[in-house]
Amino acid sequence: MKLALLGDIALFGNMSLTKNPDAASIFSEVADYLSVFDYVVGNLETPFSALKKTSGAKSAYICSDVENIDILKKLHVNAVCLSNNHMFDFGKEGYETTKKILDENGMAYFGSEGKELKVKLDENKISFSGFCCYTTNPLKCVPYGEYGVNAYNLHTVENILKRNSDDGFLNIVAVHAGLEHVNYPSTDHIMTARLLAEECPYVYYGHHPHVIQGIEEYKGSLIAHSLGNFCFDDVYTSATDSKPLVELTENNRTGMILELTIENNKVVDWKEQLIYIPKVGSIKLIENDKILKIYNEKLAHREENKEEYEKERSQIINERLAERKAQRNLSWFIKRLQPRYVKLMFDMRRNNKLYNENVKQYL
């Protein structure tokens, strides 16, 4: 069984058929590439919405027009993960519309309301589950089984891994976690991914940072901390006027397709296929062993080079903070006096508390 896992899929801006009539051509090369896989799964970062009415306090809201389901079909996507920090950007309407459009087009999904996806193919039994970490400041992130996206609770995930493994399934766990634009995962997230491997062999399928991070094999498990962007565009908001709040860098434009060969419910081979999102033109398949080697080796040797690892990680974080601060002018500060931004700050504090309760207390 050949399986392809895709990073963050955001069908808006230049990636949207309603904004760009030629958007489908952007995906021609990768669509041909994905056509040979038995099963293709991606993280759907943009909910489908008809009303476009935002919900909750966010610095940026992103969604997709329903017509863009055709792009997912062109990409041969069989299933999508819904457990991410943007799934409720447009409230219940956006979330319900997303499920409706996926159902109508025969596309499976998982990662919300305790929903898992069981796939049986070529005598393999695969169980997909998805979780969103409170570090991503999500909306409607709730305990497993409640209405919303599944919260990343370490104890819950351990129980699911054990139950599915006992039933003869290979677990693939999609986790939306980490710090955006940083190529080195935090100590917390490395420890949690490895701790889950103590329960049984599984595949950790990470997304959210919008850049690629290292992959490691640990005690029979494959841990891909972040696949980066599969397709994304610059993010604009009313608070940033004509400049984007987030402008894609070269780092953001490089993503990864994780290819798995599965036999008898075990990963017998895997491959990293890099992709590149150009400013103009189609998404390209690229080869760059150097960058993959750097991130994988940094991760593999983190323990013996911890000081150097944390120094490089801090440098990336500080550079990103400096870029964001450079965008701030008087208009930026005035707009952030609005109630939405005040609530956003309270939500961030609440999510930090929930992160400690759901993840950090178990470390």
Protein backbone atom coordinates (compact mmCIF):
# COMPACT_ATOMS: atom_id res chain seq x y z
CA MET A 1 0.00 0.00 0.00
CA LYS A 2 1.39 3.38 -1.06
CA LEU A 3 0.22 6.29 1.09
CA ALA A 4 0.94 10.03 0.68
CA LEU A 5 0.61 12.52 3.54
CA LEU A 6 0.34 16.23 2.67
CA GLY A 7 1.00 19.27 4.83
CA ASP A 8 -1.18 22.36 5.23
CA ILE A 9 -3.73 22.82 2.44
CA ALA A 10 -5.16 26.35 2.21
CA LEU A 11 -7.39 27.01 -0.78
CA PHE A 12 -7.65 30.79 -0.75
CA GLY A 13 -6.08 33.72 -2.60
CA ASN A 14 -4.19 32.61 -5.69
CA MET A 15 -4.95 28.98 -4.77
CA SER A 16 -8.72 29.51 -5.11
CA LEU A 17 -10.72 28.93 -8.29
CA THR A 18 -12.98 31.88 -7.50
CA LYS A 19 -10.04 34.27 -7.12
CA ASN A 20 -7.89 32.74 -9.84
CA PRO A 21 -9.71 30.97 -12.70
CA ASP A 22 -6.42 29.28 -13.62
CA ALA A 23 -5.80 27.96 -10.09
CA ALA A 24 -6.19 24.32 -11.13
CA SER A 25 -3.06 24.58 -13.28
CA ILE A 26 -1.01 25.38 -10.17
CA PHE A 27 -1.53 21.78 -9.05
CA SER A 28 -0.98 19.95 -12.35
CA GLU A 29 2.48 18.55 -11.61
CA VAL A 30 1.76 17.42 -8.05
CA ALA A 31 -1.63 16.03 -9.11
CA ASP A 32 0.06 13.76 -11.65
CA TYR A 33 2.56 12.71 -9.00
CA LEU A 34 -0.14 11.86 -6.45
CA SER A 35 -2.19 9.86 -8.95
CA VAL A 36 -0.06 6.75 -8.40
CA PHE A 37 -0.77 6.48 -4.66
CA ASP A 38 -3.38 4.16 -3.19
CA TYR A 39 -4.44 6.75 -0.61
CA VAL A 40 -3.77 10.49 -0.18
CA VAL A 41 -4.42 12.44 3.03
CA GLY A 42 -3.96 16.17 3.74
CA ASN A 43 -4.54 18.69 6.48
CA LEU A 44 -7.40 20.93 5.33
CA GLU A 45 -6.45 24.27 6.88
CA THR A 46 -9.27 26.28 5.29
CA PRO A 47 -12.89 25.42 6.09
CA PHE A 48 -15.42 25.77 3.31
CA SER A 49 -17.84 28.62 4.00
CA ALA A 50 -20.77 30.11 2.10
CA LEU A 51 -21.61 32.99 4.48
CA LYS A 52 -18.04 34.19 5.18
CA LYS A 53 -19.00 35.40 8.65
CA THR A 54 -16.03 35.24 10.98
CA SER A 55 -16.26 33.83 14.48
CA GLY A 56 -14.22 34.24 17.64
CA ALA A 57 -11.06 36.26 18.19
CA LYS A 58 -8.27 35.62 15.69
CA SER A 59 -5.50 37.74 14.22
CA ALA A 60 -6.34 36.31 10.80
CA TYR A 61 -9.24 34.28 9.40
CA ILE A 62 -8.94 32.02 6.37
CA CYS A 63 -11.54 29.98 4.51
CA SER A 64 -12.30 28.56 1.10
CA ASP A 65 -15.15 28.82 -1.39
CA VAL A 66 -17.02 25.55 -1.88
CA GLU A 67 -15.98 25.36 -5.54
CA ASN A 68 -12.46 24.52 -4.45
CA ILE A 69 -13.48 20.98 -3.54
CA ASP A 70 -12.66 20.37 -7.22
CA ILE A 71 -8.99 21.08 -6.47
CA LEU A 72 -8.93 18.43 -3.74
CA LYS A 73 -10.46 15.98 -6.20
CA LYS A 74 -7.90 16.92 -8.85
CA LEU A 75 -5.19 16.15 -6.29
CA HIS A 76 -6.64 12.65 -5.74
CA VAL A 77 -7.15 13.42 -2.04
CA ASN A 78 -9.10 10.63 -0.33
CA ALA A 79 -9.35 12.11 3.16
CA VAL A 80 -8.57 15.26 5.10
CA CYS A 81 -7.77 16.08 8.71
CA LEU A 82 -9.98 18.77 10.29
CA SER A 83 -8.11 19.15 13.57
CA ASN A 84 -6.44 22.53 13.13
CA ASN A 85 -6.63 26.07 14.48
CA HIS A 86 -8.59 27.52 11.54
CA MET A 87 -11.43 25.00 11.20
CA PHE A 88 -13.81 27.20 13.23
CA ASP A 89 -12.67 30.59 11.88
CA PHE A 90 -16.13 30.93 10.32
CA GLY A 91 -18.01 29.33 13.16
CA LYS A 92 -20.45 26.48 13.06
CA GLU A 93 -21.57 27.40 9.53
CA GLY A 94 -18.07 27.01 8.12
CA TYR A 95 -17.48 23.74 9.94
CA GLU A 96 -20.85 22.22 8.97
CA THR A 97 -20.47 23.41 5.38
CA THR A 98 -17.05 21.74 5.26
CA LYS A 99 -18.43 18.41 6.41
CA LYS A 100 -21.37 18.69 4.00
CA ILE A 101 -19.17 19.43 0.97
CA LEU A 102 -16.79 16.60 1.84
CA ASP A 103 -19.67 14.15 2.31
CA GLU A 104 -21.30 15.15 -0.97
CA ASN A 105 -18.04 14.55 -2.81
CA GLY A 106 -17.23 11.22 -1.18
CA MET A 107 -14.20 12.55 0.69
CA ALA A 108 -13.53 11.17 4.17
CA TYR A 109 -12.45 13.28 7.14
CA PHE A 110 -11.32 12.89 10.74
CA GLY A 111 -10.02 14.94 13.67
CA SER A 112 -13.20 16.45 15.10
CA GLU A 113 -16.02 15.28 17.40
CA GLY A 114 -13.95 12.21 18.26
CA LYS A 115 -14.19 10.99 14.66
CA GLU A 116 -11.50 8.57 13.50
CA LEU A 117 -11.05 7.10 10.05
CA LYS A 118 -10.49 3.39 9.57
CA VAL A 119 -9.10 2.33 6.19
CA LYS A 120 -8.69 -1.29 5.07
CA LEU A 121 -6.72 -1.74 1.85
CA ASP A 122 -4.50 -4.52 0.50
CA GLU A 123 -4.84 -6.46 3.76
CA ASN A 124 -3.66 -3.40 5.68
CA LYS A 125 -5.67 -1.80 8.48
CA ILE A 126 -4.92 1.87 9.07
CA SER A 127 -6.51 4.11 11.70
CA PHE A 128 -6.29 7.89 11.26
CA SER A 129 -6.93 10.18 14.21
CA GLY A 130 -6.32 13.93 14.48
CA PHE A 131 -5.64 16.38 17.29
CA CYS A 132 -5.06 20.11 17.67
CA CYS A 133 -2.67 21.43 20.30
CA TYR A 134 -3.61 24.46 22.39
CA THR A 135 -0.24 26.00 21.46
CA THR A 136 -1.79 26.88 18.08
CA ASN A 137 -4.45 29.10 19.74
CA PRO A 138 -7.37 27.29 18.12
CA LEU A 139 -11.08 28.02 18.21
CA LYS A 140 -13.50 25.37 19.44
CA CYS A 141 -10.79 22.97 20.56
CA VAL A 142 -12.55 20.54 22.88
CA PRO A 143 -12.11 17.25 24.77
CA TYR A 144 -12.31 14.15 22.61
CA GLY A 145 -15.87 13.40 21.45
CA GLU A 146 -17.34 16.86 22.10
CA TYR A 147 -18.48 19.23 19.33
CA GLY A 148 -15.36 20.81 17.87
CA VAL A 149 -11.83 19.82 16.91
CA ASN A 150 -10.13 17.19 19.05
CA ALA A 151 -7.82 18.68 21.68
CA TYR A 152 -4.32 17.20 21.87
CA ASN A 153 -4.47 15.48 25.24
CA LEU A 154 -1.58 13.11 25.79
CA HIS A 155 -3.54 10.66 27.95
CA THR A 156 -6.38 10.50 25.40
CA VAL A 157 -4.00 9.85 22.50
CA GLU A 158 -2.23 7.09 24.44
CA ASN A 159 -5.54 5.31 25.03
CA ILE A 160 -6.52 5.59 21.35
CA LEU A 161 -3.15 4.25 20.22
CA LYS A 162 -3.44 1.26 22.52
CA ARG A 163 -7.04 0.49 21.58
CA ASN A 164 -6.39 0.63 17.83
CA SER A 165 -3.13 -1.30 18.10
CA ASP A 166 -4.88 -4.04 20.09
CA ASP A 167 -7.47 -4.20 17.29
CA GLY A 168 -4.74 -4.76 14.72
CA PHE A 169 -4.57 -1.27 13.21
CA LEU A 170 -1.53 0.82 12.37
CA ASN A 171 -2.06 4.25 13.93
CA ILE A 172 -1.41 7.42 11.95
CA VAL A 173 -1.85 10.36 14.30
CA ALA A 174 -2.20 13.83 12.77
CA VAL A 175 -1.06 16.50 15.23
CA HIS A 176 -1.49 20.23 14.64
CA ALA A 177 1.14 21.70 16.94
CA GLY A 178 4.30 23.73 17.25
CA LEU A 179 5.51 27.26 16.58
CA GLU A 180 4.90 28.80 13.17
CA HIS A 181 7.87 29.42 10.85
CA VAL A 182 10.35 27.61 13.13
CA ASN A 183 12.18 24.59 11.67
CA TYR A 184 13.10 23.07 15.03
CA PRO A 185 10.35 21.48 17.18
CA SER A 186 10.27 22.37 20.87
CA THR A 187 11.48 20.07 23.62
CA ASP A 188 7.87 19.53 24.72
CA HIS A 189 6.69 18.35 21.32
CA ILE A 190 9.71 16.10 20.79
CA MET A 191 9.12 14.50 24.19
CA THR A 192 5.37 13.98 23.64
CA ALA A 193 5.85 12.39 20.22
CA ARG A 194 8.48 10.03 21.63
CA LEU A 195 6.45 9.29 24.72
CA LEU A 196 3.56 8.09 22.55
CA ALA A 197 5.98 5.71 20.82
CA GLU A 198 6.43 3.96 24.15
CA GLU A 199 2.82 2.75 23.84
CA CYS A 200 3.13 1.14 20.40
CA PRO A 201 4.67 1.81 16.97
CA TYR A 202 2.81 4.57 15.12
CA VAL A 203 3.22 7.39 12.58
CA TYR A 204 3.24 10.98 13.86
CA TYR A 205 1.94 13.24 11.07
CA GLY A 206 2.72 16.82 12.08
CA HIS A 207 1.56 20.14 10.65
CA HIS A 208 1.00 23.82 11.60
CA PRO A 209 4.50 25.39 11.64
CA HIS A 210 4.22 26.12 7.86
CA VAL A 211 7.85 25.04 7.44
CA ILE A 212 9.39 21.59 7.33
CA GLN A 213 10.93 20.06 10.43
CA GLY A 214 13.00 16.94 10.94
CA ILE A 215 11.83 13.34 10.75
CA GLU A 216 13.05 10.68 13.16
CA GLU A 217 12.59 6.95 13.66
CA TYR A 218 12.09 6.19 17.33
CA LYS A 219 11.38 2.78 18.88
CA GLY A 220 9.65 1.48 15.76
CA SER A 221 7.69 4.70 15.16
CA LEU A 222 8.10 7.30 12.41
CA ILE A 223 7.84 10.87 13.72
CA ALA A 224 7.45 13.64 11.11
CA HIS A 225 7.21 16.78 13.22
CA SER A 226 6.03 19.08 10.41
CA LEU A 227 5.47 18.62 6.68
CA GLY A 228 5.19 22.38 6.14
CA ASN A 229 2.89 23.89 3.53
CA PHE A 230 1.45 21.87 0.70
CA CYS A 231 -0.30 24.93 -0.72
CA PHE A 232 -0.64 28.33 0.90
CA ASP A 233 -0.75 32.01 -0.03
CA ASP A 234 0.04 35.35 1.62
CA VAL A 235 -2.44 36.22 4.39
CA TYR A 236 -4.05 39.66 4.41
CA THR A 237 -6.18 41.27 7.13
CA SER A 238 -7.89 44.64 7.59
CA ALA A 239 -5.36 45.44 10.33
CA THR A 240 -2.41 45.25 7.95
CA ASP A 241 -3.88 47.49 5.20
CA SER A 242 -2.37 46.66 1.79
CA LYS A 243 0.51 44.62 3.21
CA PRO A 244 0.07 40.96 4.10
CA LEU A 245 0.03 39.97 7.75
CA VAL A 246 1.97 36.88 6.71
CA GLU A 247 4.02 36.94 3.53
CA LEU A 248 5.43 33.61 2.39
CA THR A 249 9.20 33.37 2.68
CA GLU A 250 11.45 30.94 0.84
CA ASN A 251 11.28 28.83 4.00
CA ASN A 252 7.46 28.76 3.86
CA ARG A 253 7.48 27.92 0.16
CA THR A 254 9.30 24.63 0.70
CA GLY A 255 7.04 21.80 1.85
CA MET A 256 7.13 18.03 1.96
CA ILE A 257 5.06 15.06 0.86
CA LEU A 258 5.67 12.11 3.16
CA GLU A 259 5.40 8.84 1.26
CA LEU A 260 4.80 5.61 3.17
CA THR A 261 4.95 2.03 1.93
CA ILE A 262 2.86 -0.14 4.25
CA GLU A 263 2.84 -3.93 4.34
CA ASN A 264 1.09 -6.08 6.94
CA ASN A 265 0.19 -2.97 8.94
CA LYS A 266 3.83 -1.87 9.17
CA VAL A 267 5.75 0.96 7.54
CA VAL A 268 8.40 -0.91 5.55
CA ASP A 269 9.72 2.12 3.66
CA TRP A 270 9.31 5.90 3.61
CA LYS A 271 10.47 8.83 1.54
CA GLU A 272 10.49 12.63 1.80
CA GLN A 273 9.50 14.36 -1.43
CA LEU A 274 10.07 18.11 -1.30
CA ILE A 275 7.81 20.55 -3.11
CA TYR A 276 8.19 24.25 -3.86
CA ILE A 277 5.40 26.87 -4.05
CA PRO A 278 6.53 29.61 -6.47
CA LYS A 279 5.15 33.15 -6.48
CA VAL A 280 3.97 32.54 -10.04
CA GLY A 281 3.35 29.21 -11.73
CA SER A 282 2.72 25.66 -10.63
CA ILE A 283 3.87 23.85 -7.49
CA LYS A 284 7.05 21.96 -8.31
CA LEU A 285 8.58 18.70 -7.14
CA ILE A 286 12.18 19.42 -6.13
CA GLU A 287 15.23 17.58 -4.84
CA ASN A 288 17.21 19.05 -1.95
CA ASP A 289 18.86 16.38 0.16
CA LYS A 290 20.96 19.00 1.93
CA ILE A 291 18.09 20.75 3.68
CA LEU A 292 16.49 17.43 4.70
CA LYS A 293 19.80 16.18 6.05
CA ILE A 294 20.29 19.34 8.12
CA TYR A 295 16.92 19.18 9.90
CA ASN A 296 17.02 15.41 10.41
CA GLU A 297 20.55 15.49 11.82
CA LYS A 298 19.79 18.44 14.10
CA LEU A 299 16.89 16.45 15.51
CA ALA A 300 18.80 13.17 15.76
CA HIS A 301 21.71 14.75 17.63
CA ARG A 302 19.70 17.21 19.70
CA GLU A 303 20.49 15.56 23.04
CA GLU A 304 24.27 15.79 22.70
CA ASN A 305 24.11 19.27 21.09
CA LYS A 306 21.22 20.69 23.11
CA GLU A 307 22.78 24.12 23.65
CA GLU A 308 23.47 24.61 19.95
CA TYR A 309 19.99 23.32 19.01
CA GLU A 310 18.22 25.73 21.36
CA LYS A 311 20.44 28.62 20.25
CA GLU A 312 19.58 28.11 16.58
CA ARG A 313 15.91 27.67 17.40
CA SER A 314 15.89 30.90 19.43
CA GLN A 315 17.62 32.76 16.60
CA ILE A 316 14.86 31.78 14.14
CA ILE A 317 12.18 32.83 16.65
CA ASN A 318 13.86 36.19 17.30
CA GLU A 319 14.20 36.89 13.57
CA ARG A 320 10.50 36.25 13.04
CA LEU A 321 9.57 38.47 15.97
CA ALA A 322 11.73 41.28 14.58
CA GLU A 323 10.01 40.99 11.19
CA ARG A 324 6.58 41.20 12.81
CA LYS A 325 7.55 44.20 14.95
CA ALA A 326 8.82 46.02 11.86
CA GLN A 327 5.29 45.92 10.42
CA ARG A 328 3.79 47.78 13.36
CA ASN A 329 2.79 51.41 12.88
CA LEU A 330 0.28 53.73 14.56
CA SER A 331 -2.60 52.30 12.52
CA TRP A 332 -1.61 48.78 13.62
CA PHE A 333 -1.72 49.73 17.30
CA ILE A 334 -5.05 51.60 17.00
CA LYS A 335 -6.74 48.64 15.32
CA ARG A 336 -5.54 46.34 18.07
CA LEU A 337 -7.44 48.33 20.66
CA GLN A 338 -10.59 46.73 19.26
CA PRO A 339 -12.43 44.25 21.55
CA ARG A 340 -11.50 41.35 19.25
CA TYR A 341 -7.80 41.77 19.96
CA VAL A 342 -8.35 42.17 23.69
CA LYS A 343 -10.28 38.89 23.67
CA LEU A 344 -7.52 37.31 21.62
CA MET A 345 -5.01 38.05 24.37
CA PHE A 346 -7.28 36.47 27.00
CA ASP A 347 -7.80 33.43 24.76
CA MET A 348 -4.03 32.99 24.38
CA ARG A 349 -3.60 32.95 28.16
CA ARG A 350 -6.44 30.46 28.51
CA ASN A 351 -4.95 28.22 25.80
CA ASN A 352 -1.57 28.29 27.54
CA LYS A 353 -3.24 27.05 30.72
CA LEU A 354 -5.07 24.32 28.80
CA TYR A 355 -1.83 23.27 27.13
CA ASN A 356 -0.24 22.76 30.53
CA GLU A 357 -3.23 20.67 31.63
CA ASN A 358 -3.45 18.57 28.45
CA VAL A 359 0.20 18.03 27.59
CA LYS A 360 2.83 19.47 29.86
CA GLN A 361 1.61 17.90 33.08
CA TYR A 362 2.25 14.44 31.59
CA LEU A 363 5.91 15.13 30.74
